[in-house]
């Protein structure tokens, strides 16, 4: 292999590496909301319902209507919280975490009463 061919191969490898890196950074920082604060901002400042449909997981489209979107757009949130729901066989816990932080921090943990547990279990079905 000549010196010229090595330089071209090296340039191609660096170019591919740069494109992959830029693509990953774009996806991580610009493509999807990473936490509740960013999701709130996306929903509040989007220009149309169609614009945010890419945020809805395929198969769950019916769980977020255009009416829901308009209500979010036309009202100001009093608070934006971030929660995780852990379901076990006989109990469920809701864990309040810190919204907008790089790493989740636990703010509160509560065991759910049975009626609220059933409500959350019904959402996913």
Protein backbone atom coordinates (compact mmCIF):
# COMPACT_ATOMS: atom_id res chain seq x y z
CA UNK A 1 0.00 0.00 0.00
CA UNK A 2 1.40 3.37 -1.00
CA UNK A 3 1.67 6.38 1.25
CA UNK A 4 -1.07 8.12 -0.72
CA UNK A 5 -3.45 5.16 -0.26
CA UNK A 6 -2.75 5.11 3.49
CA UNK A 7 -3.54 8.82 3.74
CA UNK A 8 -6.82 8.30 1.89
CA UNK A 9 -7.73 5.32 4.10
CA UNK A 10 -6.88 7.31 7.22
CA UNK A 11 -8.99 10.23 5.97
CA UNK A 12 -11.94 7.91 5.24
CA UNK A 13 -11.72 6.32 8.70
CA UNK A 14 -11.58 9.72 10.43
CA UNK A 15 -14.51 10.97 8.33
CA UNK A 16 -16.66 7.96 9.24
CA UNK A 17 -15.73 8.35 12.91
CA UNK A 18 -16.62 12.06 12.81
CA UNK A 19 -19.99 11.40 11.14
CA UNK A 20 -20.91 8.71 13.67
CA UNK A 21 -19.87 10.95 16.56
CA UNK A 22 -21.85 13.93 15.24
CA UNK A 23 -24.86 11.68 14.65
CA UNK A 24 -24.76 10.29 18.18
CA UNK A 25 -24.34 13.73 19.72
CA UNK A 26 -27.24 15.08 17.65
CA UNK A 27 -29.46 12.18 18.75
CA UNK A 28 -28.50 12.51 22.41
CA UNK A 29 -28.87 16.29 22.69
CA UNK A 30 -31.36 17.41 20.07
CA UNK A 31 -33.57 14.58 18.84
CA UNK A 32 -35.64 13.46 21.82
CA UNK A 33 -36.37 14.93 25.23
CA UNK A 34 -34.17 13.32 27.88
CA UNK A 35 -36.20 14.22 30.96
CA UNK A 36 -39.51 15.64 32.12
CA UNK A 37 -38.46 19.28 31.83
CA UNK A 38 -37.44 18.82 28.19
CA UNK A 39 -40.65 16.91 27.47
CA UNK A 40 -42.69 19.72 29.02
CA UNK A 41 -40.86 22.25 26.87
CA UNK A 42 -41.41 20.17 23.71
CA UNK A 43 -45.14 19.88 24.39
CA UNK A 44 -45.59 23.49 25.44
CA UNK A 45 -43.62 25.16 22.66
CA UNK A 46 -44.41 22.89 19.70
CA UNK A 47 -46.28 24.54 16.87
CA UNK A 48 -48.65 21.66 16.14
CA UNK A 49 -49.91 18.29 17.34
CA UNK A 50 -48.36 16.66 14.28
CA UNK A 51 -44.93 18.02 15.30
CA UNK A 52 -44.94 16.12 18.60
CA UNK A 53 -46.41 12.86 17.31
CA UNK A 54 -42.88 11.51 16.84
CA UNK A 55 -42.58 11.57 20.67
CA UNK A 56 -45.37 9.02 21.03
CA UNK A 57 -44.28 5.39 21.08
CA UNK A 58 -45.75 3.40 18.22
CA UNK A 59 -48.91 1.61 19.35
CA UNK A 60 -49.70 4.19 22.04
CA UNK A 61 -50.99 6.98 19.79
CA UNK A 62 -54.52 6.77 21.20
CA UNK A 63 -53.23 7.59 24.69
CA UNK A 64 -52.39 11.19 23.73
CA UNK A 65 -55.03 13.08 21.77
CA UNK A 66 -54.98 16.40 20.00
CA UNK A 67 -57.33 17.66 22.71
CA UNK A 68 -54.73 16.69 25.36
CA UNK A 69 -52.09 18.57 23.38
CA UNK A 70 -54.28 21.69 23.11
CA UNK A 71 -55.01 21.62 26.85
CA UNK A 72 -51.28 21.50 27.58
CA UNK A 73 -50.64 24.34 25.13
CA UNK A 74 -53.43 26.55 26.51
CA UNK A 75 -52.59 26.22 30.20
CA UNK A 76 -49.58 27.03 32.33
CA UNK A 77 -48.17 24.23 34.47
CA UNK A 78 -48.05 24.92 38.18
CA UNK A 79 -45.36 22.28 38.66
CA UNK A 80 -43.51 19.78 36.49
CA UNK A 81 -42.71 16.58 38.37
CA UNK A 82 -40.89 13.47 37.28
CA UNK A 83 -42.03 10.09 38.57
CA UNK A 84 -41.14 6.45 38.15
CA UNK A 85 -43.62 3.68 38.83
CA UNK A 86 -42.34 0.33 40.11
CA UNK A 87 -44.93 -2.45 39.99
CA UNK A 88 -44.49 -5.70 41.87
CA UNK A 89 -46.85 -8.66 42.33
CA UNK A 90 -48.78 -7.27 45.30
CA UNK A 91 -47.67 -3.67 45.58
CA UNK A 92 -46.58 -0.64 43.58
CA UNK A 93 -44.35 2.28 44.45
CA UNK A 94 -44.22 5.73 42.96
CA UNK A 95 -40.84 7.38 43.16
CA UNK A 96 -40.53 11.12 42.68
CA UNK A 97 -37.22 12.01 41.06
CA UNK A 98 -35.47 15.25 40.29
CA UNK A 99 -36.58 16.63 36.91
CA UNK A 100 -34.03 18.24 34.63
CA UNK A 101 -30.92 16.82 36.29
CA UNK A 102 -28.25 14.78 34.51
CA UNK A 103 -28.56 11.96 37.00
CA UNK A 104 -31.84 11.03 38.69
CA UNK A 105 -32.01 11.76 42.38
CA UNK A 106 -34.79 10.29 44.52
CA UNK A 107 -36.94 12.93 46.20
CA UNK A 108 -39.70 10.71 47.66
CA UNK A 109 -40.98 7.12 47.66
CA UNK A 110 -44.59 6.19 48.37
CA UNK A 111 -46.42 2.87 48.28
CA UNK A 112 -49.58 3.26 46.24
CA UNK A 113 -53.03 2.55 47.67
CA UNK A 114 -54.77 -0.33 45.88
CA UNK A 115 -57.23 1.85 43.90
CA UNK A 116 -54.44 4.06 42.53
CA UNK A 117 -52.32 0.98 41.82
CA UNK A 118 -55.18 -0.47 39.76
CA UNK A 119 -55.57 2.84 37.92
CA UNK A 120 -51.91 2.84 36.85
CA UNK A 121 -52.00 -0.83 35.92
CA UNK A 122 -54.98 -0.06 33.66
CA UNK A 123 -53.15 2.70 31.76
CA UNK A 124 -50.64 0.34 30.16
CA UNK A 125 -53.31 -2.07 28.89
